[in-house]
PDB file of N, CA and C in Angstrom:
ATOM      1  N   MET A   1       6.284  11.713   0.800  1.00  0.00           N
ATOM      2  CA  MET A   1       5.956  10.725  -0.207  1.00  0.00           C
ATOM      3  C   MET A   1       4.437  10.693  -0.360  1.00  0.00           C
ATOM      4  N   LEU A   2       3.975  10.571  -1.587  1.00  0.00           N
ATOM      5  CA  LEU A   2       2.548  10.465  -1.877  1.00  0.00           C
ATOM      6  C   LEU A   2       2.179   8.990  -1.944  1.00  0.00           C
ATOM      7  N   ILE A   3       1.290   8.571  -1.040  1.00  0.00           N
ATOM      8  CA  ILE A   3       0.942   7.158  -0.865  1.00  0.00           C
ATOM      9  C   ILE A   3      -0.527   6.937  -1.192  1.00  0.00           C
ATOM     10  N   LEU A   4      -0.798   5.853  -1.920  1.00  0.00           N
ATOM     11  CA  LEU A   4      -2.162   5.445  -2.231  1.00  0.00           C
ATOM     12  C   LEU A   4      -2.516   4.227  -1.411  1.00  0.00           C
ATOM     13  N   PHE A   5      -3.622   4.294  -0.674  1.00  0.00           N
ATOM     14  CA  PHE A   5      -4.146   3.140   0.042  1.00  0.00           C
ATOM     15  C   PHE A   5      -5.136   2.430  -0.866  1.00  0.00           C
ATOM     16  N   ASP A   6      -4.901   1.152  -1.108  1.00  0.00           N
ATOM     17  CA  ASP A   6      -5.847   0.316  -1.836  1.00  0.00           C
ATOM     18  C   ASP A   6      -7.100   0.156  -0.972  1.00  0.00           C
ATOM     19  N   ASN A   7      -8.151  -0.394  -1.551  1.00  0.00           N
ATOM     20  CA  ASN A   7      -9.443  -0.492  -0.874  1.00  0.00           C
ATOM     21  C   ASN A   7      -9.388  -1.203   0.473  1.00  0.00           C
ATOM     22  N   SER A   8      -8.539  -2.181   0.614  1.00  0.00           N
ATOM     23  CA  SER A   8      -8.527  -2.993   1.827  1.00  0.00           C
ATOM     24  C   SER A   8      -7.642  -2.428   2.935  1.00  0.00           C
ATOM     25  N   THR A   9      -6.881  -1.404   2.657  1.00  0.00           N
ATOM     26  CA  THR A   9      -5.954  -0.847   3.645  1.00  0.00           C
ATOM     27  C   THR A   9      -6.724  -0.032   4.674  1.00  0.00           C
ATOM     28  N   PRO A  10      -6.547  -0.324   5.961  1.00  0.00           N
ATOM     29  CA  PRO A  10      -7.274   0.419   6.992  1.00  0.00           C
ATOM     30  C   PRO A  10      -6.905   1.898   7.004  1.00  0.00           C
ATOM     31  N   ARG A  11      -7.898   2.760   7.006  1.00  0.00           N
ATOM     32  CA  ARG A  11      -7.693   4.209   6.981  1.00  0.00           C
ATOM     33  C   ARG A  11      -6.868   4.709   8.160  1.00  0.00           C
ATOM     34  N   GLY A  12      -7.059   4.083   9.315  1.00  0.00           N
ATOM     35  CA  GLY A  12      -6.378   4.526  10.522  1.00  0.00           C
ATOM     36  C   GLY A  12      -4.866   4.487  10.423  1.00  0.00           C
ATOM     37  N   LEU A  13      -4.359   3.687   9.516  1.00  0.00           N
ATOM     38  CA  LEU A  13      -2.917   3.571   9.345  1.00  0.00           C
ATOM     39  C   LEU A  13      -2.288   4.895   8.913  1.00  0.00           C
ATOM     40  N   ALA A  14      -3.045   5.712   8.224  1.00  0.00           N
ATOM     41  CA  ALA A  14      -2.515   6.984   7.700  1.00  0.00           C
ATOM     42  C   ALA A  14      -1.939   7.856   8.807  1.00  0.00           C
ATOM     43  N   ARG A  15      -2.537   7.845   9.974  1.00  0.00           N
ATOM     44  CA  ARG A  15      -2.041   8.726  11.045  1.00  0.00           C
ATOM     45  C   ARG A  15      -0.679   8.294  11.589  1.00  0.00           C
ATOM     46  N   PHE A  16      -0.261   7.064  11.277  1.00  0.00           N
ATOM     47  CA  PHE A  16       1.051   6.579  11.692  1.00  0.00           C
ATOM     48  C   PHE A  16       2.141   6.894  10.659  1.00  0.00           C
ATOM     49  N   LEU A  17       1.741   7.391   9.506  1.00  0.00           N
ATOM     50  CA  LEU A  17       2.687   7.660   8.422  1.00  0.00           C
ATOM     51  C   LEU A  17       2.975   9.157   8.351  1.00  0.00           C
ATOM     52  N   THR A  18       3.540   9.664   9.412  1.00  0.00           N
ATOM     53  CA  THR A  18       3.814  11.095   9.502  1.00  0.00           C
ATOM     54  C   THR A  18       4.827  11.518   8.438  1.00  0.00           C
ATOM     55  N   GLY A  19       4.602  12.698   7.917  1.00  0.00           N
ATOM     56  CA  GLY A  19       5.487  13.227   6.889  1.00  0.00           C
ATOM     57  C   GLY A  19       5.136  12.768   5.486  1.00  0.00           C
ATOM     58  N   HIS A  20       4.054  11.993   5.357  1.00  0.00           N
ATOM     59  CA  HIS A  20       3.618  11.492   4.060  1.00  0.00           C
ATOM     60  C   HIS A  20       2.188  11.948   3.794  1.00  0.00           C
ATOM     61  N   SER A  21       1.824  12.051   2.522  1.00  0.00           N
ATOM     62  CA  SER A  21       0.444  12.345   2.131  1.00  0.00           C
ATOM     63  C   SER A  21      -0.205  11.046   1.693  1.00  0.00           C
ATOM     64  N   VAL A  22      -1.398  10.789   2.209  1.00  0.00           N
ATOM     65  CA  VAL A  22      -2.102   9.537   1.920  1.00  0.00           C
ATOM     66  C   VAL A  22      -3.456   9.846   1.300  1.00  0.00           C
ATOM     67  N   GLU A  23      -3.772   9.129   0.226  1.00  0.00           N
ATOM     68  CA  GLU A  23      -5.097   9.186  -0.387  1.00  0.00           C
ATOM     69  C   GLU A  23      -5.605   7.761  -0.551  1.00  0.00           C
ATOM     70  N   GLU A  24      -6.916   7.623  -0.583  1.00  0.00           N
ATOM     71  CA  GLU A  24      -7.521   6.307  -0.777  1.00  0.00           C
ATOM     72  C   GLU A  24      -7.963   6.144  -2.224  1.00  0.00           C
ATOM     73  N   ALA A  25      -7.814   4.934  -2.735  1.00  0.00           N
ATOM     74  CA  ALA A  25      -8.210   4.643  -4.114  1.00  0.00           C
ATOM     75  C   ALA A  25      -9.676   5.007  -4.345  1.00  0.00           C
ATOM     76  N   ARG A  26     -10.525   4.705  -3.373  1.00  0.00           N
ATOM     77  CA  ARG A  26     -11.957   4.968  -3.569  1.00  0.00           C
ATOM     78  C   ARG A  26     -12.251   6.460  -3.679  1.00  0.00           C
ATOM     79  N   SER A  27     -11.449   7.312  -3.051  1.00  0.00           N
ATOM     80  CA  SER A  27     -11.684   8.758  -3.137  1.00  0.00           C
ATOM     81  C   SER A  27     -11.397   9.292  -4.540  1.00  0.00           C
ATOM     82  N   ARG A  28     -10.626   8.533  -5.308  1.00  0.00           N
ATOM     83  CA  ARG A  28     -10.324   8.921  -6.692  1.00  0.00           C
ATOM     84  C   ARG A  28     -11.193   8.179  -7.694  1.00  0.00           C
ATOM     85  N   GLY A  29     -12.096   7.331  -7.194  1.00  0.00           N
ATOM     86  CA  GLY A  29     -12.940   6.539  -8.083  1.00  0.00           C
ATOM     87  C   GLY A  29     -12.205   5.355  -8.681  1.00  0.00           C
ATOM     88  N   TRP A  30     -11.125   4.937  -8.038  1.00  0.00           N
ATOM     89  CA  TRP A  30     -10.303   3.847  -8.545  1.00  0.00           C
ATOM     90  C   TRP A  30     -10.591   2.516  -7.855  1.00  0.00           C
ATOM     91  N   ASP A  31     -11.654   2.442  -7.079  1.00  0.00           N
ATOM     92  CA  ASP A  31     -11.917   1.241  -6.293  1.00  0.00           C
ATOM     93  C   ASP A  31     -12.318   0.032  -7.138  1.00  0.00           C
ATOM     94  N   GLU A  32     -12.660   0.222  -8.371  1.00  0.00           N
ATOM     95  CA  GLU A  32     -13.026  -0.904  -9.246  1.00  0.00           C
ATOM     96  C   GLU A  32     -11.928  -1.274 -10.237  1.00  0.00           C
ATOM     97  N   LEU A  33     -10.793  -0.594 -10.189  1.00  0.00           N
ATOM     98  CA  LEU A  33      -9.709  -0.875 -11.131  1.00  0.00           C
ATOM     99  C   LEU A  33      -9.018  -2.193 -10.792  1.00  0.00           C
ATOM    100  N   SER A  34      -8.573  -2.901 -11.817  1.00  0.00           N
ATOM    101  CA  SER A  34      -7.756  -4.096 -11.596  1.00  0.00           C
ATOM    102  C   SER A  34      -6.387  -3.647 -11.078  1.00  0.00           C
ATOM    103  N   ASN A  35      -5.609  -4.595 -10.580  1.00  0.00           N
ATOM    104  CA  ASN A  35      -4.297  -4.246 -10.030  1.00  0.00           C
ATOM    105  C   ASN A  35      -3.424  -3.492 -11.031  1.00  0.00           C
ATOM    106  N   GLY A  36      -3.345  -4.004 -12.249  1.00  0.00           N
ATOM    107  CA  GLY A  36      -2.520  -3.348 -13.260  1.00  0.00           C
ATOM    108  C   GLY A  36      -3.007  -1.949 -13.576  1.00  0.00           C
ATOM    109  N   GLU A  37      -4.316  -1.787 -13.710  1.00  0.00           N
ATOM    110  CA  GLU A  37      -4.885  -0.466 -13.981  1.00  0.00           C
ATOM    111  C   GLU A  37      -4.646   0.477 -12.813  1.00  0.00           C
ATOM    112  N   LEU A  38      -4.758  -0.038 -11.592  1.00  0.00           N
ATOM    113  CA  LEU A  38      -4.546   0.781 -10.403  1.00  0.00           C
ATOM    114  C   LEU A  38      -3.096   1.262 -10.330  1.00  0.00           C
ATOM    115  N   ILE A  39      -2.168   0.368 -10.575  1.00  0.00           N
ATOM    116  CA  ILE A  39      -0.751   0.747 -10.542  1.00  0.00           C
ATOM    117  C   ILE A  39      -0.465   1.787 -11.634  1.00  0.00           C
ATOM    118  N   ASP A  40      -0.992   1.560 -12.832  1.00  0.00           N
ATOM    119  CA  ASP A  40      -0.800   2.521 -13.928  1.00  0.00           C
ATOM    120  C   ASP A  40      -1.358   3.899 -13.561  1.00  0.00           C
ATOM    121  N   ALA A  41      -2.588   3.925 -13.046  1.00  0.00           N
ATOM    122  CA  ALA A  41      -3.224   5.196 -12.689  1.00  0.00           C
ATOM    123  C   ALA A  41      -2.448   5.894 -11.583  1.00  0.00           C
ATOM    124  N   ALA A  42      -1.987   5.132 -10.601  1.00  0.00           N
ATOM    125  CA  ALA A  42      -1.235   5.711  -9.492  1.00  0.00           C
ATOM    126  C   ALA A  42       0.084   6.309  -9.982  1.00  0.00           C
ATOM    127  N   GLU A  43       0.790   5.581 -10.825  1.00  0.00           N
ATOM    128  CA  GLU A  43       2.055   6.103 -11.354  1.00  0.00           C
ATOM    129  C   GLU A  43       1.829   7.364 -12.179  1.00  0.00           C
ATOM    130  N   ARG A  44       0.810   7.346 -13.037  1.00  0.00           N
ATOM    131  CA  ARG A  44       0.513   8.524 -13.871  1.00  0.00           C
ATOM    132  C   ARG A  44       0.161   9.746 -13.022  1.00  0.00           C
ATOM    133  N   SER A  45      -0.435   9.500 -11.854  1.00  0.00           N
ATOM    134  CA  SER A  45      -0.882  10.596 -10.988  1.00  0.00           C
ATOM    135  C   SER A  45       0.161  11.026  -9.970  1.00  0.00           C
ATOM    136  N   GLY A  46       1.352  10.467 -10.046  1.00  0.00           N
ATOM    137  CA  GLY A  46       2.437  10.912  -9.184  1.00  0.00           C
ATOM    138  C   GLY A  46       2.566  10.206  -7.853  1.00  0.00           C
ATOM    139  N   PHE A  47       1.788   9.150  -7.635  1.00  0.00           N
ATOM    140  CA  PHE A  47       1.940   8.393  -6.392  1.00  0.00           C
ATOM    141  C   PHE A  47       3.279   7.668  -6.414  1.00  0.00           C
ATOM    142  N   GLU A  48       3.898   7.609  -5.254  1.00  0.00           N
ATOM    143  CA  GLU A  48       5.195   6.957  -5.138  1.00  0.00           C
ATOM    144  C   GLU A  48       5.093   5.581  -4.500  1.00  0.00           C
ATOM    145  N   MET A  49       3.919   5.290  -3.896  1.00  0.00           N
ATOM    146  CA  MET A  49       3.750   4.021  -3.198  1.00  0.00           C
ATOM    147  C   MET A  49       2.279   3.640  -3.146  1.00  0.00           C
ATOM    148  N   ILE A  50       2.032   2.328  -3.163  1.00  0.00           N
ATOM    149  CA  ILE A  50       0.704   1.779  -2.904  1.00  0.00           C
ATOM    150  C   ILE A  50       0.832   0.876  -1.685  1.00  0.00           C
ATOM    151  N   VAL A  51      -0.104   1.020  -0.742  1.00  0.00           N
ATOM    152  CA  VAL A  51      -0.197   0.108   0.396  1.00  0.00           C
ATOM    153  C   VAL A  51      -1.465  -0.708   0.174  1.00  0.00           C
ATOM    154  N   THR A  52      -1.329  -2.039   0.204  1.00  0.00           N
ATOM    155  CA  THR A  52      -2.424  -2.944  -0.098  1.00  0.00           C
ATOM    156  C   THR A  52      -2.334  -4.195   0.772  1.00  0.00           C
ATOM    157  N   THR A  53      -3.381  -4.995   0.746  1.00  0.00           N
ATOM    158  CA  THR A  53      -3.336  -6.314   1.383  1.00  0.00           C
ATOM    159  C   THR A  53      -3.422  -7.415   0.333  1.00  0.00           C
ATOM    160  N   ASP A  54      -3.362  -7.050  -0.918  1.00  0.00           N
ATOM    161  CA  ASP A  54      -3.467  -8.020  -2.015  1.00  0.00           C
ATOM    162  C   ASP A  54      -2.109  -8.679  -2.268  1.00  0.00           C
ATOM    163  N   LYS A  55      -1.894  -9.828  -1.616  1.00  0.00           N
ATOM    164  CA  LYS A  55      -0.601 -10.519  -1.723  1.00  0.00           C
ATOM    165  C   LYS A  55      -0.365 -11.115  -3.109  1.00  0.00           C
ATOM    166  N   SER A  56      -1.413 -11.270  -3.894  1.00  0.00           N
ATOM    167  CA  SER A  56      -1.241 -11.858  -5.224  1.00  0.00           C
ATOM    168  C   SER A  56      -0.739 -10.845  -6.245  1.00  0.00           C
ATOM    169  N   ILE A  57      -0.667  -9.583  -5.878  1.00  0.00           N
ATOM    170  CA  ILE A  57      -0.281  -8.533  -6.827  1.00  0.00           C
ATOM    171  C   ILE A  57       1.093  -8.804  -7.443  1.00  0.00           C
ATOM    172  N   ARG A  58       2.000  -9.346  -6.669  1.00  0.00           N
ATOM    173  CA  ARG A  58       3.357  -9.595  -7.195  1.00  0.00           C
ATOM    174  C   ARG A  58       3.372 -10.707  -8.241  1.00  0.00           C
ATOM    175  N   TYR A  59       2.375 -11.581  -8.210  1.00  0.00           N
ATOM    176  CA  TYR A  59       2.309 -12.671  -9.183  1.00  0.00           C
ATOM    177  C   TYR A  59       1.463 -12.299 -10.395  1.00  0.00           C
ATOM    178  N   GLN A  60       0.588 -11.312 -10.224  1.00  0.00           N
ATOM    179  CA  GLN A  60      -0.292 -10.890 -11.306  1.00  0.00           C
ATOM    180  C   GLN A  60       0.339  -9.826 -12.193  1.00  0.00           C
ATOM    181  N   GLN A  61       1.312  -9.122 -11.670  1.00  0.00           N
ATOM    182  CA  GLN A  61       1.887  -7.986 -12.380  1.00  0.00           C
ATOM    183  C   GLN A  61       3.393  -8.142 -12.537  1.00  0.00           C
ATOM    184  N   ASN A  62       3.912  -7.636 -13.635  1.00  0.00           N
ATOM    185  CA  ASN A  62       5.351  -7.555 -13.813  1.00  0.00           C
ATOM    186  C   ASN A  62       5.796  -6.251 -13.147  1.00  0.00           C
ATOM    187  N   LEU A  63       6.452  -6.386 -12.017  1.00  0.00           N
ATOM    188  CA  LEU A  63       6.815  -5.212 -11.230  1.00  0.00           C
ATOM    189  C   LEU A  63       8.225  -4.703 -11.517  1.00  0.00           C
ATOM    190  N   THR A  64       8.950  -5.393 -12.388  1.00  0.00           N
ATOM    191  CA  THR A  64      10.360  -5.049 -12.599  1.00  0.00           C
ATOM    192  C   THR A  64      10.577  -3.654 -13.177  1.00  0.00           C
ATOM    193  N   ARG A  65       9.669  -3.163 -13.982  1.00  0.00           N
ATOM    194  CA  ARG A  65       9.860  -1.843 -14.602  1.00  0.00           C
ATOM    195  C   ARG A  65       9.048  -0.747 -13.917  1.00  0.00           C
ATOM    196  N   ARG A  66       8.448  -1.070 -12.814  1.00  0.00           N
ATOM    197  CA  ARG A  66       7.621  -0.092 -12.103  1.00  0.00           C
ATOM    198  C   ARG A  66       8.476   0.857 -11.290  1.00  0.00           C
ATOM    199  N   LYS A  67       8.017   2.089 -11.225  1.00  0.00           N
ATOM    200  CA  LYS A  67       8.687   3.095 -10.401  1.00  0.00           C
ATOM    201  C   LYS A  67       8.047   3.186  -9.020  1.00  0.00           C
ATOM    202  N   ILE A  68       6.821   2.713  -8.914  1.00  0.00           N
ATOM    203  CA  ILE A  68       6.068   2.828  -7.676  1.00  0.00           C
ATOM    204  C   ILE A  68       6.463   1.706  -6.708  1.00  0.00           C
ATOM    205  N   ALA A  69       6.592   2.059  -5.444  1.00  0.00           N
ATOM    206  CA  ALA A  69       6.896   1.063  -4.411  1.00  0.00           C
ATOM    207  C   ALA A  69       5.592   0.422  -3.942  1.00  0.00           C
ATOM    208  N   LEU A  70       5.669  -0.840  -3.549  1.00  0.00           N
ATOM    209  CA  LEU A  70       4.501  -1.554  -3.034  1.00  0.00           C
ATOM    210  C   LEU A  70       4.793  -2.080  -1.643  1.00  0.00           C
ATOM    211  N   ILE A  71       3.890  -1.789  -0.717  1.00  0.00           N
ATOM    212  CA  ILE A  71       3.926  -2.350   0.623  1.00  0.00           C
ATOM    213  C   ILE A  71       2.680  -3.208   0.743  1.00  0.00           C
ATOM    214  N   VAL A  72       2.871  -4.490   1.064  1.00  0.00           N
ATOM    215  CA  VAL A  72       1.751  -5.423   1.156  1.00  0.00           C
ATOM    216  C   VAL A  72       1.612  -5.890   2.599  1.00  0.00           C
ATOM    217  N   LEU A  73       0.432  -5.682   3.157  1.00  0.00           N
ATOM    218  CA  LEU A  73       0.128  -6.129   4.514  1.00  0.00           C
ATOM    219  C   LEU A  73      -0.523  -7.503   4.435  1.00  0.00           C
ATOM    220  N   GLU A  74      -0.243  -8.357   5.402  1.00  0.00           N
ATOM    221  CA  GLU A  74      -0.798  -9.717   5.381  1.00  0.00           C
ATOM    222  C   GLU A  74      -2.316  -9.742   5.410  1.00  0.00           C
ATOM    223  N   HIS A  75      -2.910  -8.834   6.127  1.00  0.00           N
ATOM    224  CA  HIS A  75      -4.369  -8.699   6.147  1.00  0.00           C
ATOM    225  C   HIS A  75      -4.745  -7.335   6.682  1.00  0.00           C
ATOM    226  N   SER A  76      -6.043  -7.047   6.726  1.00  0.00           N
ATOM    227  CA  SER A  76      -6.494  -5.688   7.030  1.00  0.00           C
ATOM    228  C   SER A  76      -7.205  -5.536   8.368  1.00  0.00           C
ATOM    229  N   GLN A  77      -7.135  -6.501   9.255  1.00  0.00           N
ATOM    230  CA  GLN A  77      -7.795  -6.365  10.562  1.00  0.00           C
ATOM    231  C   GLN A  77      -7.143  -5.219  11.330  1.00  0.00           C
ATOM    232  N   TRP A  78      -7.872  -4.105  11.471  1.00  0.00           N
ATOM    233  CA  TRP A  78      -7.302  -2.914  12.051  1.00  0.00           C
ATOM    234  C   TRP A  78      -6.687  -3.127  13.439  1.00  0.00           C
ATOM    235  N   PRO A  79      -7.343  -3.840  14.370  1.00  0.00           N
ATOM    236  CA  PRO A  79      -6.717  -4.008  15.690  1.00  0.00           C
ATOM    237  C   PRO A  79      -5.324  -4.649  15.610  1.00  0.00           C
ATOM    238  N   MET A  80      -5.123  -5.540  14.650  1.00  0.00           N
ATOM    239  CA  MET A  80      -3.832  -6.200  14.512  1.00  0.00           C
ATOM    240  C   MET A  80      -2.854  -5.349  13.685  1.00  0.00           C
ATOM    241  N   VAL A  81      -3.360  -4.669  12.673  1.00  0.00           N
ATOM    242  CA  VAL A  81      -2.513  -3.763  11.876  1.00  0.00           C
ATOM    243  C   VAL A  81      -1.942  -2.674  12.789  1.00  0.00           C
ATOM    244  N   LYS A  82      -2.772  -2.165  13.686  1.00  0.00           N
ATOM    245  CA  LYS A  82      -2.342  -1.112  14.599  1.00  0.00           C
ATOM    246  C   LYS A  82      -1.163  -1.574  15.466  1.00  0.00           C
ATOM    247  N   LEU A  83      -1.129  -2.857  15.810  1.00  0.00           N
ATOM    248  CA  LEU A  83      -0.038  -3.382  16.642  1.00  0.00           C
ATOM    249  C   LEU A  83       1.319  -3.342  15.940  1.00  0.00           C
ATOM    250  N   VAL A  84       1.308  -3.379  14.613  1.00  0.00           N
ATOM    251  CA  VAL A  84       2.574  -3.364  13.853  1.00  0.00           C
ATOM    252  C   VAL A  84       2.716  -2.092  13.012  1.00  0.00           C
ATOM    253  N   ALA A  85       1.969  -1.059  13.387  1.00  0.00           N
ATOM    254  CA  ALA A  85       2.006   0.198  12.626  1.00  0.00           C
ATOM    255  C   ALA A  85       3.416   0.774  12.558  1.00  0.00           C
ATOM    256  N   ASP A  86       4.211   0.591  13.618  1.00  0.00           N
ATOM    257  CA  ASP A  86       5.581   1.104  13.597  1.00  0.00           C
ATOM    258  C   ASP A  86       6.434   0.365  12.568  1.00  0.00           C
ATOM    259  N   LYS A  87       6.193  -0.934  12.405  1.00  0.00           N
ATOM    260  CA  LYS A  87       6.926  -1.715  11.398  1.00  0.00           C
ATOM    261  C   LYS A  87       6.494  -1.314   9.986  1.00  0.00           C
ATOM    262  N   ILE A  88       5.214  -1.040   9.834  1.00  0.00           N
ATOM    263  CA  ILE A  88       4.713  -0.592   8.533  1.00  0.00           C
ATOM    264  C   ILE A  88       5.313   0.775   8.199  1.00  0.00           C
ATOM    265  N   ALA A  89       5.323   1.672   9.171  1.00  0.00           N
ATOM    266  CA  ALA A  89       5.902   2.999   8.951  1.00  0.00           C
ATOM    267  C   ALA A  89       7.378   2.889   8.600  1.00  0.00           C
ATOM    268  N   ALA A  90       8.098   1.985   9.253  1.00  0.00           N
ATOM    269  CA  ALA A  90       9.522   1.794   8.936  1.00  0.00           C
ATOM    270  C   ALA A  90       9.686   1.279   7.511  1.00  0.00           C
ATOM    271  N   ALA A  91       8.811   0.363   7.083  1.00  0.00           N
ATOM    272  CA  ALA A  91       8.869  -0.153   5.709  1.00  0.00           C
ATOM    273  C   ALA A  91       8.574   0.953   4.707  1.00  0.00           C
ATOM    274  N   VAL A  92       7.608   1.799   5.022  1.00  0.00           N
ATOM    275  CA  VAL A  92       7.279   2.935   4.154  1.00  0.00           C
ATOM    276  C   VAL A  92       8.481   3.871   4.048  1.00  0.00           C
ATOM    277  N   ASN A  93       9.075   4.196   5.173  1.00  0.00           N
ATOM    278  CA  ASN A  93      10.205   5.127   5.176  1.00  0.00           C
ATOM    279  C   ASN A  93      11.435   4.569   4.470  1.00  0.00           C
ATOM    280  N   ALA A  94      11.591   3.251   4.448  1.00  0.00           N
ATOM    281  CA  ALA A  94      12.759   2.624   3.825  1.00  0.00           C
ATOM    282  C   ALA A  94      12.537   2.286   2.351  1.00  0.00           C
ATOM    283  N   ALA A  95      11.309   2.405   1.880  1.00  0.00           N
ATOM    284  CA  ALA A  95      10.990   2.010   0.499  1.00  0.00           C
ATOM    285  C   ALA A  95      11.728   2.873  -0.515  1.00  0.00           C
ATOM    286  N   THR A  96      12.063   2.231  -1.613  1.00  0.00           N
ATOM    287  CA  THR A  96      12.699   2.921  -2.726  1.00  0.00           C
ATOM    288  C   THR A  96      11.843   2.700  -3.975  1.00  0.00           C
ATOM    289  N   PRO A  97      12.003   3.521  -4.998  1.00  0.00           N
ATOM    290  CA  PRO A  97      11.201   3.347  -6.208  1.00  0.00           C
ATOM    291  C   PRO A  97      11.297   1.916  -6.748  1.00  0.00           C
ATOM    292  N   GLY A  98      10.147   1.317  -6.988  1.00  0.00           N
ATOM    293  CA  GLY A  98      10.091  -0.031  -7.537  1.00  0.00           C
ATOM    294  C   GLY A  98      10.239  -1.146  -6.523  1.00  0.00           C
ATOM    295  N   SER A  99      10.385  -0.815  -5.237  1.00  0.00           N
ATOM    296  CA  SER A  99      10.569  -1.865  -4.237  1.00  0.00           C
ATOM    297  C   SER A  99       9.247  -2.551  -3.891  1.00  0.00           C
ATOM    298  N   TYR A 100       9.370  -3.760  -3.354  1.00  0.00           N
ATOM    299  CA  TYR A 100       8.214  -4.564  -2.936  1.00  0.00           C
ATOM    300  C   TYR A 100       8.539  -5.137  -1.571  1.00  0.00           C
ATOM    301  N   VAL A 101       7.665  -4.877  -0.584  1.00  0.00           N
ATOM    302  CA  VAL A 101       7.882  -5.376   0.771  1.00  0.00           C
ATOM    303  C   VAL A 101       6.567  -5.920   1.313  1.00  0.00           C
ATOM    304  N   GLU A 102       6.620  -7.112   1.895  1.00  0.00           N
ATOM    305  CA  GLU A 102       5.470  -7.663   2.612  1.00  0.00           C
ATOM    306  C   GLU A 102       5.723  -7.475   4.101  1.00  0.00           C
ATOM    307  N   VAL A 103       4.734  -6.921   4.801  1.00  0.00           N
ATOM    308  CA  VAL A 103       4.846  -6.690   6.237  1.00  0.00           C
ATOM    309  C   VAL A 103       3.948  -7.693   6.953  1.00  0.00           C
ATOM    310  N   PRO A 104       4.512  -8.564   7.780  1.00  0.00           N
ATOM    311  CA  PRO A 104       3.693  -9.522   8.526  1.00  0.00           C
ATOM    312  C   PRO A 104       2.777  -8.802   9.512  1.00  0.00           C
ATOM    313  N   VAL A 105       1.534  -9.229   9.552  1.00  0.00           N
ATOM    314  CA  VAL A 105       0.549  -8.705  10.501  1.00  0.00           C
ATOM    315  C   VAL A 105      -0.034  -9.914  11.218  1.00  0.00           C
ATOM    316  N   PRO A 106       0.038  -9.946  12.557  1.00  0.00           N
ATOM    317  CA  PRO A 106      -0.521 -11.106  13.262  1.00  0.00           C
ATOM    318  C   PRO A 106      -2.017 -11.207  13.008  1.00  0.00           C
ATOM    319  N   PHE A 107      -2.526 -12.409  13.085  1.00  0.00           N
ATOM    320  CA  PHE A 107      -3.954 -12.631  12.839  1.00  0.00           C
ATOM    321  C   PHE A 107      -4.613 -13.053  14.138  1.00  0.00           C
ATOM    322  N   LYS A 108      -5.737 -12.458  14.424  1.00  0.00           N
ATOM    323  CA  LYS A 108      -6.494 -12.803  15.625  1.00  0.00           C
ATOM    324  C   LYS A 108      -7.864 -13.293  15.192  1.00  0.00           C
ATOM    325  N   ASP A 109      -8.264 -14.451  15.695  1.00  0.00           N
ATOM    326  CA  ASP A 109      -9.599 -14.992  15.368  1.00  0.00           C
ATOM    327  C   ASP A 109     -10.702 -14.199  16.008  1.00  0.00           C
TER     328      ASP A 109
END
């Protein structure tokens, strides 16, 4: 599966997503795109999934006709994201076109 990491997604997560290709939005010059523009660009470019920490995306966009799957992490603190990397990988592997999943990530002060 071709996966796009939004700007806030920790890069280290990619190594836990074996069998998938991961690119970062900033590497494509998409780091300034709005959510709708980012989803459009990703779909046009063949991405099958976006991983982000932007929980408001589901309220800002009409996702019903989208083909791209969205995985939303509660936040981007890498030490805590790493603790649930197996759950994130399971969500990625179970995703279907157009699906939306929020993955809880514990927060540490």
